[in-house]
Amino acid sequence: MTTNMAYLTPEFLETDRLLLRTFRENDWKDLHKYYSDEASMKYTTGRALTEGETWRTMAAMLGHWQLRKYGSYALEERASHSVIGVAGLDYPNDWPEPEIKWGLIRDCWGKGYASEAVRAVKKMWTEYLPELSLISLIHPDNTNSINLAQAVGAYFEREHEFRGEKWSIYRHTQNSSPLSTLKARIMPLMNT
């Protein structure tokens, strides 16, 4: 991991198959495979984005690094050097709390890339921003994201009214072992 003193977190992370890095101007072309896919956008924007909207979304993610001093990464597949999605820390002004976000082009679903990226983000979080409490805000019908959140150690915390609908908040733990997740679920019950 390398870090620029201007940011609270590294600008680059590496896994066996992925390079997580800040965005470059031409990344929008690969990202558009994700943002223009209606199935991929079903639980986020609710519709496919235009090329201009994809570019502006990428620019907003870059701006997040400037405003919050951390942000989302382009997921570059090391073998192909293609950007296959996005993962990282996100905290838009209408979100209830900072979150770990992720999204992949549909051709990469089910291959473990998202969990690999999220685990790298969680490791970075533990090292660089351990005081930050993180969620993932997930639509309750998005079973793929719910399954991923649980696989990396997050647990259902509560429902949250968001943009006129009930969404689910999944709380991330800094240790993603099943035992720590179980403890995280039990401790609030013990304190009531």
Protein backbone atom coordinates (compact mmCIF):
# COMPACT_ATOMS: atom_id res chain seq x y z
CA MET A 1 0.00 0.00 0.00
CA THR A 2 1.22 3.47 -0.83
CA THR A 3 -0.25 6.70 0.41
CA ASN A 4 -0.08 10.36 -0.50
CA MET A 5 0.07 12.68 2.48
CA ALA A 6 -2.87 14.58 0.97
CA TYR A 7 -5.18 11.61 1.67
CA LEU A 8 -6.08 9.60 4.75
CA THR A 9 -5.85 6.29 2.87
CA PRO A 10 -3.60 4.84 0.17
CA GLU A 11 -4.36 5.63 -3.45
CA PHE A 12 -3.43 2.08 -4.49
CA LEU A 13 -4.18 -1.37 -3.04
CA GLU A 14 -3.25 -4.72 -4.53
CA THR A 15 -4.74 -8.19 -4.38
CA ASP A 16 -3.81 -11.34 -6.26
CA ARG A 17 -6.04 -10.45 -9.20
CA LEU A 18 -6.81 -6.76 -8.79
CA LEU A 19 -5.17 -3.39 -8.61
CA LEU A 20 -7.39 -0.98 -6.69
CA ARG A 21 -6.38 2.53 -7.70
CA THR A 22 -7.71 6.03 -8.10
CA PHE A 23 -9.47 6.74 -11.35
CA ARG A 24 -7.85 7.91 -14.57
CA GLU A 25 -9.60 9.98 -17.22
CA ASN A 26 -10.15 7.12 -19.70
CA ASP A 27 -11.47 4.70 -17.06
CA TRP A 28 -15.01 5.90 -17.75
CA LYS A 29 -15.05 3.83 -20.95
CA ASP A 30 -14.61 0.55 -19.07
CA LEU A 31 -16.83 1.75 -16.21
CA HIS A 32 -19.59 2.45 -18.68
CA LYS A 33 -20.03 -1.33 -19.14
CA TYR A 34 -21.16 -1.32 -15.51
CA TYR A 35 -23.09 1.94 -15.37
CA SER A 36 -24.90 1.41 -18.69
CA ASP A 37 -26.16 -2.06 -17.68
CA GLU A 38 -29.73 -1.95 -16.38
CA ALA A 39 -29.29 -5.11 -14.29
CA SER A 40 -26.19 -3.68 -12.61
CA MET A 41 -27.94 -0.39 -11.84
CA LYS A 42 -31.23 -1.89 -10.64
CA TYR A 43 -30.50 -1.27 -6.95
CA THR A 44 -28.36 1.85 -7.24
CA THR A 45 -29.52 4.47 -9.73
CA GLY A 46 -32.50 2.39 -10.84
CA ARG A 47 -31.63 2.90 -14.51
CA ALA A 48 -28.76 2.66 -16.96
CA LEU A 49 -26.59 5.77 -17.23
CA THR A 50 -25.58 7.63 -20.37
CA GLU A 51 -21.90 8.01 -21.28
CA GLY A 52 -21.96 11.56 -19.92
CA GLU A 53 -23.51 10.41 -16.66
CA THR A 54 -20.89 7.67 -16.30
CA TRP A 55 -18.12 10.23 -16.80
CA ARG A 56 -19.70 12.59 -14.24
CA THR A 57 -20.14 9.71 -11.77
CA MET A 58 -16.45 8.86 -12.12
CA ALA A 59 -15.56 12.55 -11.71
CA ALA A 60 -17.67 12.67 -8.54
CA MET A 61 -15.79 9.67 -7.13
CA LEU A 62 -12.52 11.50 -7.81
CA GLY A 63 -13.95 14.60 -6.14
CA HIS A 64 -14.84 12.52 -3.09
CA TRP A 65 -11.10 11.93 -2.57
CA GLN A 66 -10.57 15.70 -2.53
CA LEU A 67 -13.43 16.46 -0.16
CA ARG A 68 -13.29 13.53 2.27
CA LYS A 69 -9.61 12.55 1.84
CA TYR A 70 -10.61 8.94 1.02
CA GLY A 71 -12.79 7.37 -1.63
CA SER A 72 -13.56 4.65 -4.14
CA TYR A 73 -11.11 2.78 -6.29
CA ALA A 74 -11.19 1.64 -9.89
CA LEU A 75 -10.91 -2.15 -9.89
CA GLU A 76 -8.35 -2.94 -12.53
CA GLU A 77 -8.09 -6.62 -13.39
CA ARG A 78 -4.37 -7.32 -13.39
CA ALA A 79 -4.50 -9.92 -16.20
CA SER A 80 -6.39 -7.74 -18.71
CA HIS A 81 -5.63 -4.23 -17.37
CA SER A 82 -9.36 -3.51 -17.80
CA VAL A 83 -11.41 -1.67 -15.19
CA ILE A 84 -14.12 -4.13 -14.13
CA GLY A 85 -15.83 -2.11 -11.44
CA VAL A 86 -15.53 0.05 -8.36
CA ALA A 87 -15.04 -0.51 -4.62
CA GLY A 88 -13.99 1.65 -1.72
CA LEU A 89 -15.14 4.07 0.93
CA ASP A 90 -17.99 6.42 0.14
CA TYR A 91 -19.88 9.05 2.12
CA PRO A 92 -22.18 11.20 -0.05
CA ASN A 93 -23.97 14.00 1.76
CA ASP A 94 -27.31 12.15 1.76
CA TRP A 95 -25.94 8.86 3.16
CA PRO A 96 -26.63 7.99 6.80
CA GLU A 97 -22.96 7.06 7.48
CA PRO A 98 -19.73 6.31 5.63
CA GLU A 99 -19.93 3.06 3.72
CA ILE A 100 -18.01 0.40 1.88
CA LYS A 101 -19.36 0.31 -1.66
CA TRP A 102 -18.80 -2.08 -4.55
CA GLY A 103 -20.04 -2.77 -8.05
CA LEU A 104 -18.85 -4.95 -10.92
CA ILE A 105 -19.60 -5.32 -14.59
CA ARG A 106 -21.98 -8.23 -15.03
CA ASP A 107 -19.42 -10.43 -16.85
CA CYS A 108 -17.43 -10.50 -13.59
CA TRP A 109 -20.26 -11.45 -11.23
CA GLY A 110 -19.81 -14.69 -9.31
CA LYS A 111 -16.02 -14.86 -9.74
CA GLY A 112 -15.00 -13.55 -6.32
CA TYR A 113 -13.71 -10.17 -7.53
CA ALA A 114 -16.08 -8.12 -5.36
CA SER A 115 -15.26 -10.01 -2.15
CA GLU A 116 -11.55 -9.80 -2.98
CA ALA A 117 -11.82 -6.03 -3.42
CA VAL A 118 -13.96 -5.51 -0.31
CA ARG A 119 -11.57 -7.54 1.83
CA ALA A 120 -8.70 -5.34 0.62
CA VAL A 121 -10.73 -2.22 1.45
CA LYS A 122 -11.54 -3.58 4.91
CA LYS A 123 -7.86 -4.34 5.55
CA MET A 124 -6.95 -0.80 4.52
CA TRP A 125 -9.75 0.62 6.72
CA THR A 126 -8.46 -1.29 9.75
CA GLU A 127 -4.97 0.08 9.23
CA TYR A 128 -5.65 3.68 8.19
CA LEU A 129 -9.09 4.68 9.56
CA PRO A 130 -9.92 2.26 12.39
CA GLU A 131 -11.96 4.92 14.21
CA LEU A 132 -14.39 5.19 11.25
CA SER A 133 -17.57 3.14 11.61
CA LEU A 134 -18.65 1.71 8.24
CA ILE A 135 -21.89 0.40 6.81
CA SER A 136 -23.16 -0.78 3.47
CA LEU A 137 -26.56 0.64 2.56
CA ILE A 138 -28.24 -2.15 0.58
CA HIS A 139 -31.67 -2.43 -1.00
CA PRO A 140 -33.44 -5.35 0.73
CA ASP A 141 -34.10 -7.08 -2.62
CA ASN A 142 -30.41 -7.02 -3.58
CA THR A 143 -29.57 -10.53 -2.43
CA ASN A 144 -26.18 -10.58 -4.19
CA SER A 145 -24.96 -7.57 -2.19
CA ILE A 146 -26.50 -8.87 1.03
CA ASN A 147 -24.72 -12.20 0.57
CA LEU A 148 -21.42 -10.42 -0.12
CA ALA A 149 -21.80 -8.12 2.90
CA GLN A 150 -22.38 -11.13 5.13
CA ALA A 151 -19.51 -13.08 3.53
CA VAL A 152 -17.06 -10.32 4.45
CA GLY A 153 -18.29 -10.09 8.04
CA ALA A 154 -21.03 -7.41 7.94
CA TYR A 155 -24.28 -8.02 9.77
CA PHE A 156 -27.82 -6.63 9.37
CA GLU A 157 -28.23 -3.77 11.81
CA ARG A 158 -31.50 -2.06 10.95
CA GLU A 159 -33.82 -0.72 8.31
CA HIS A 160 -33.35 2.85 7.14
CA GLU A 161 -35.69 5.14 5.21
CA PHE A 162 -33.76 6.22 2.12
CA ARG A 163 -35.08 7.99 -0.97
CA GLY A 164 -38.65 7.06 -0.13
CA GLU A 165 -37.99 3.35 0.47
CA LYS A 166 -36.84 1.05 3.26
CA TRP A 167 -33.20 0.06 2.78
CA SER A 168 -31.03 -2.17 4.97
CA ILE A 169 -27.97 -1.07 6.85
CA TYR A 170 -25.29 -3.73 7.16
CA ARG A 171 -22.62 -2.90 9.75
CA HIS A 172 -19.03 -3.87 8.94
CA THR A 173 -16.74 -5.24 11.59
CA GLN A 174 -12.99 -4.77 11.48
CA ASN A 175 -12.39 -8.48 11.94
CA SER A 176 -14.39 -10.49 9.41
CA SER A 177 -14.18 -13.86 11.16
CA PRO A 178 -17.55 -15.54 11.82
CA LEU A 179 -16.90 -15.39 15.59
CA SER A 180 -16.39 -11.61 15.57
CA THR A 181 -19.56 -11.18 13.51
CA LEU A 182 -21.49 -13.31 16.00
CA LYS A 183 -20.08 -11.25 18.88
CA ALA A 184 -21.05 -8.05 17.09
CA ARG A 185 -24.63 -9.34 16.79
CA ILE A 186 -24.84 -10.54 20.41
CA MET A 187 -23.26 -7.55 22.19
CA PRO A 188 -26.12 -5.10 21.45
CA LEU A 189 -28.60 -7.69 22.76
CA MET A 190 -26.61 -8.15 25.97
CA ASN A 191 -26.67 -4.40 26.64
CA THR A 192 -30.48 -4.09 26.51
